[in-house]
């Protein structure tokens, strides 16, 4: 009986020892620092550096935050965003891969990973990410716009127009969508419909030079050269270099 009691006491003491050791280990993990700052403090420093447009400082801070705590999705989101804006698209994609592994419903990861793939010319992979965003948030116009860009560059004009149509249905005041859809109509030789889209963009923002420039090119293709020159002059006065160069080549002042 005494031996059995002794065994129970020994097992209890061993369990207590392991529990104490575990608590010490967890406590030490939370107290890990680099340069005297913990993971949350490095994250906040990185976030502030991003706000201040100090991207290199932000990247360094997010690196340290992740080194101290590699399982926090928000640190990868922010480091991915910083890499994206620095043009480090491959690194950004790696960060967003990790975000999605940690949180498969984090929409920003799909948005920016899709953009990174787009800028790398990987339009098919970009479309897969935009598909996922639309699945997660079917009322968000931006994903349709971005997917429309990708389809446009792949030469799938019908699907590009369908996406721009849906984006305009969800957000009828986005001038960029009208300009982009107008560009697809130009590719299809439908200059009349393109001009209608540029008209809408100009109605929404009378100082958007690209809409005038593109409308001018559409008028030129349509045979209305006087209106084309008028639009190019407006775009040139609004500071669009392409319009200025075009008029210089024709020897026309603006």
Protein backbone atom coordinates (compact mmCIF):
# COMPACT_ATOMS: atom_id res chain seq x y z
CA UNK A 1 0.00 0.00 0.00
CA UNK A 2 2.86 2.31 0.91
CA UNK A 3 4.67 1.49 -2.39
CA UNK A 4 1.54 2.33 -4.39
CA UNK A 5 1.20 5.67 -2.58
CA UNK A 6 4.86 6.41 -3.24
CA UNK A 7 4.36 5.75 -6.99
CA UNK A 8 1.37 8.12 -7.07
CA UNK A 9 3.40 10.85 -5.38
CA UNK A 10 6.30 10.36 -7.83
CA UNK A 11 3.95 10.49 -10.85
CA UNK A 12 2.28 13.60 -9.43
CA UNK A 13 5.65 15.28 -8.91
CA UNK A 14 6.73 14.41 -12.48
CA UNK A 15 3.49 15.83 -13.88
CA UNK A 16 3.92 18.97 -11.81
CA UNK A 17 7.52 19.29 -13.05
CA UNK A 18 6.46 19.03 -16.70
CA UNK A 19 3.64 21.56 -16.23
CA UNK A 20 6.01 24.05 -14.64
CA UNK A 21 8.55 23.48 -17.43
CA UNK A 22 5.83 24.06 -20.04
CA UNK A 23 4.70 27.29 -18.39
CA UNK A 24 8.28 28.54 -18.25
CA UNK A 25 8.79 27.67 -21.94
CA UNK A 26 5.57 29.46 -23.00
CA UNK A 27 6.46 32.42 -20.84
CA UNK A 28 9.90 32.65 -22.39
CA UNK A 29 8.42 32.42 -25.86
CA UNK A 30 6.19 35.41 -25.16
CA UNK A 31 9.16 37.33 -23.80
CA UNK A 32 11.34 36.75 -26.89
CA UNK A 33 12.71 40.00 -28.21
CA UNK A 34 15.03 41.42 -30.84
CA UNK A 35 16.76 44.64 -29.89
CA UNK A 36 14.58 44.81 -26.80
CA UNK A 37 11.29 44.76 -28.75
CA UNK A 38 8.80 41.89 -28.99
CA UNK A 39 6.85 40.75 -32.08
CA UNK A 40 3.88 43.08 -31.54
CA UNK A 41 6.15 46.07 -31.02
CA UNK A 42 8.09 45.31 -34.22
CA UNK A 43 4.78 44.90 -36.06
CA UNK A 44 3.57 48.31 -34.89
CA UNK A 45 6.89 49.90 -35.86
CA UNK A 46 6.54 48.34 -39.30
CA UNK A 47 2.97 49.59 -39.64
CA UNK A 48 4.00 53.12 -38.70
CA UNK A 49 6.94 53.04 -41.10
CA UNK A 50 4.52 52.00 -43.87
CA UNK A 51 2.25 54.95 -43.05
CA UNK A 52 5.33 57.22 -43.22
CA UNK A 53 6.31 55.73 -46.63
CA UNK A 54 9.55 54.32 -45.21
CA UNK A 55 9.21 50.99 -46.99
CA UNK A 56 12.71 49.65 -46.24
CA UNK A 57 12.25 50.33 -42.51
CA UNK A 58 8.81 48.72 -42.65
CA UNK A 59 10.17 45.62 -44.35
CA UNK A 60 12.91 45.24 -41.75
CA UNK A 61 10.42 45.61 -38.90
CA UNK A 62 7.98 43.06 -40.36
CA UNK A 63 10.88 40.64 -40.90
CA UNK A 64 11.71 40.86 -37.20
CA UNK A 65 8.06 40.50 -36.16
CA UNK A 66 7.77 37.32 -38.22
CA UNK A 67 11.09 35.97 -36.91
CA UNK A 68 9.75 36.35 -33.37
CA UNK A 69 6.25 35.05 -34.12
CA UNK A 70 5.96 33.22 -37.47
CA UNK A 71 2.28 32.29 -37.08
CA UNK A 72 0.63 35.73 -37.14
CA UNK A 73 -1.11 36.30 -40.49
CA UNK A 74 -1.26 40.10 -40.18
CA UNK A 75 2.54 40.36 -40.24
CA UNK A 76 2.71 38.46 -43.55
CA UNK A 77 -0.16 40.58 -44.93
CA UNK A 78 1.75 43.76 -44.19
CA UNK A 79 5.12 42.44 -45.34
CA UNK A 80 3.47 41.20 -48.53
CA UNK A 81 1.93 44.63 -49.07
CA UNK A 82 5.32 46.29 -48.56
CA UNK A 83 7.05 43.87 -50.95
CA UNK A 84 4.28 44.49 -53.49
CA UNK A 85 4.71 48.27 -53.41
CA UNK A 86 8.49 47.85 -53.66
CA UNK A 87 7.98 45.76 -56.81
CA UNK A 88 9.22 42.59 -55.09
CA UNK A 89 6.38 40.57 -56.60
CA UNK A 90 7.84 37.10 -56.05
CA UNK A 91 8.46 37.85 -52.37
CA UNK A 92 4.98 39.34 -52.06
CA UNK A 93 3.45 36.17 -53.52
CA UNK A 94 5.40 34.04 -51.01
CA UNK A 95 4.06 36.19 -48.16
CA UNK A 96 0.47 35.95 -49.39
CA UNK A 97 0.86 32.18 -49.81
CA UNK A 98 1.67 32.06 -46.11
CA UNK A 99 -1.27 34.31 -45.21
CA UNK A 100 -3.66 32.03 -47.09
CA UNK A 101 -2.15 28.99 -45.36
CA UNK A 102 -2.84 30.65 -41.99
CA UNK A 103 -6.18 32.23 -42.93
CA UNK A 104 -7.79 30.98 -46.18
CA UNK A 105 -10.51 33.68 -46.02
CA UNK A 106 -8.17 36.68 -45.89
CA UNK A 107 -9.38 38.50 -49.03
CA UNK A 108 -6.53 41.03 -49.17
CA UNK A 109 -4.09 38.16 -49.69
CA UNK A 110 -5.94 37.04 -52.82
CA UNK A 111 -6.34 40.64 -54.06
CA UNK A 112 -2.67 41.53 -53.83
CA UNK A 113 -1.38 38.11 -54.85
CA UNK A 114 -3.57 38.37 -57.94
CA UNK A 115 -2.13 41.80 -58.69
CA UNK A 116 1.41 40.51 -58.22
CA UNK A 117 0.75 37.64 -60.63
CA UNK A 118 -0.76 40.16 -63.06
CA UNK A 119 2.32 42.38 -63.01
CA UNK A 120 4.50 39.33 -63.55
CA UNK A 121 2.43 38.53 -66.65
CA UNK A 122 0.95 35.39 -65.11
CA UNK A 123 -2.62 36.29 -66.08
CA UNK A 124 -4.04 32.78 -65.69
CA UNK A 125 -2.89 32.57 -62.07
CA UNK A 126 -4.14 36.10 -61.43
CA UNK A 127 -7.59 35.08 -62.69
CA UNK A 128 -7.67 32.15 -60.26
CA UNK A 129 -7.09 34.57 -57.37
CA UNK A 130 -9.76 36.98 -58.65
CA UNK A 131 -12.15 34.01 -58.94
CA UNK A 132 -11.52 33.26 -55.26
CA UNK A 133 -12.12 36.89 -54.25
CA UNK A 134 -15.43 36.88 -56.13
CA UNK A 135 -16.37 33.63 -54.39
CA UNK A 136 -15.63 35.23 -51.00
CA UNK A 137 -17.16 38.62 -51.85
CA UNK A 138 -19.40 38.55 -54.94
CA UNK A 139 -20.51 42.17 -54.39
CA UNK A 140 -17.01 43.63 -54.66
CA UNK A 141 -16.56 45.48 -57.98
CA UNK A 142 -12.75 45.66 -57.85
CA UNK A 143 -12.24 41.93 -58.38
CA UNK A 144 -14.32 42.04 -61.56
CA UNK A 145 -12.31 45.02 -62.83
CA UNK A 146 -9.00 43.28 -62.14
CA UNK A 147 -10.19 40.03 -63.70
CA UNK A 148 -11.35 42.03 -66.69
CA UNK A 149 -7.82 43.45 -67.09
CA UNK A 150 -6.37 39.93 -67.07
CA UNK A 151 -8.88 38.60 -69.60
CA UNK A 152 -8.20 41.66 -71.79
CA UNK A 153 -4.46 40.90 -71.88
CA UNK A 154 -5.20 37.25 -72.66
CA UNK A 155 -7.28 38.39 -75.63
CA UNK A 156 -10.53 37.09 -74.15
CA UNK A 157 -12.44 40.28 -74.97
CA UNK A 158 -15.90 38.81 -74.48
CA UNK A 159 -15.14 37.78 -70.90
CA UNK A 160 -13.35 41.08 -70.23
CA UNK A 161 -16.45 43.04 -71.26
CA UNK A 162 -18.66 40.77 -69.14
CA UNK A 163 -16.48 41.50 -66.10
CA UNK A 164 -16.46 45.25 -66.78
CA UNK A 165 -20.25 45.16 -67.20
CA UNK A 166 -20.60 43.48 -63.79
CA UNK A 167 -18.16 45.93 -62.19
CA UNK A 168 -20.15 48.88 -63.55
CA UNK A 169 -23.38 47.32 -62.28
CA UNK A 170 -21.84 47.12 -58.78
CA UNK A 171 -20.02 50.47 -58.94
CA UNK A 172 -21.33 52.76 -61.70
CA UNK A 173 -19.06 55.67 -60.72
CA UNK A 174 -15.65 54.12 -61.36
CA UNK A 175 -14.21 56.03 -64.33
CA UNK A 176 -11.38 53.52 -64.82
CA UNK A 177 -13.86 50.75 -65.59
CA UNK A 178 -15.46 52.75 -68.40
CA UNK A 179 -12.05 53.63 -69.85
CA UNK A 180 -10.97 49.98 -69.67
CA UNK A 181 -14.15 48.71 -71.28
CA UNK A 182 -13.77 51.38 -73.95
CA UNK A 183 -10.30 50.00 -74.66
CA UNK A 184 -11.72 46.54 -75.26
CA UNK A 185 -14.36 47.93 -77.62
CA UNK A 186 -11.57 49.66 -79.57
CA UNK A 187 -9.79 46.30 -79.89
CA UNK A 188 -13.01 44.86 -81.27
CA UNK A 189 -13.37 47.75 -83.74
CA UNK A 190 -16.51 49.02 -82.02
CA UNK A 191 -15.40 52.67 -81.84
CA UNK A 192 -18.92 54.00 -81.38
CA UNK A 193 -19.39 52.01 -78.17
CA UNK A 194 -15.87 52.92 -77.05
CA UNK A 195 -16.66 56.63 -77.47
CA UNK A 196 -19.83 56.16 -75.39
CA UNK A 197 -17.72 54.71 -72.56
CA UNK A 198 -15.19 57.55 -72.76
CA UNK A 199 -18.07 60.05 -72.73
CA UNK A 200 -19.32 58.47 -69.50
CA UNK A 201 -15.86 58.63 -67.94
CA UNK A 202 -15.52 62.32 -68.88
CA UNK A 203 -18.97 63.04 -67.47
CA UNK A 204 -17.85 61.53 -64.17
CA UNK A 205 -14.52 63.40 -64.19
CA UNK A 206 -13.99 66.20 -66.70
CA UNK A 207 -10.29 66.40 -65.81
CA UNK A 208 -9.31 62.80 -66.49
CA UNK A 209 -6.86 63.14 -69.41
CA UNK A 210 -6.70 59.47 -70.42
CA UNK A 211 -10.41 59.47 -71.26
CA UNK A 212 -9.93 62.42 -73.65
CA UNK A 213 -6.83 60.86 -75.18
CA UNK A 214 -8.49 57.49 -75.78
CA UNK A 215 -11.64 59.17 -77.08
CA UNK A 216 -9.48 61.20 -79.46
CA UNK A 217 -7.88 58.04 -80.82
CA UNK A 218 -11.31 56.45 -81.21
CA UNK A 219 -12.61 59.51 -83.08
CA UNK A 220 -9.55 59.36 -85.33
CA UNK A 221 -10.22 55.69 -86.13
CA UNK A 222 -13.85 56.65 -86.72
CA UNK A 223 -12.75 59.30 -89.24
CA UNK A 224 -13.66 62.35 -87.15
CA UNK A 225 -10.21 63.99 -87.17
CA UNK A 226 -11.33 67.44 -85.96
CA UNK A 227 -12.88 66.00 -82.80
CA UNK A 228 -9.82 63.77 -82.39
CA UNK A 229 -7.48 66.78 -82.36
CA UNK A 230 -9.76 68.63 -79.94
CA UNK A 231 -9.62 65.72 -77.48
CA UNK A 232 -5.87 65.29 -77.84
CA UNK A 233 -5.38 68.99 -77.09
CA UNK A 234 -7.49 68.74 -73.94
CA UNK A 235 -5.52 65.67 -72.80
CA UNK A 236 -2.25 67.49 -73.53
CA UNK A 237 -3.33 70.56 -71.53
CA UNK A 238 -4.24 68.26 -68.65
CA UNK A 239 -0.63 67.01 -68.68
CA UNK A 240 -0.82 63.64 -70.44
CA UNK A 241 2.59 63.09 -72.06
CA UNK A 242 1.29 60.65 -74.67
CA UNK A 243 -1.10 63.31 -75.97
CA UNK A 244 1.63 65.96 -75.98
CA UNK A 245 4.00 63.69 -77.90
CA UNK A 246 1.27 62.77 -80.39
CA UNK A 247 0.52 66.42 -81.16
CA UNK A 248 4.23 67.31 -81.39
CA UNK A 249 4.69 64.63 -84.04
CA UNK A 250 1.84 66.22 -85.99
CA UNK A 251 3.27 69.71 -85.50
CA UNK A 252 0.17 70.85 -83.62
CA UNK A 253 0.33 73.22 -80.64
CA UNK A 254 -2.03 72.79 -77.71
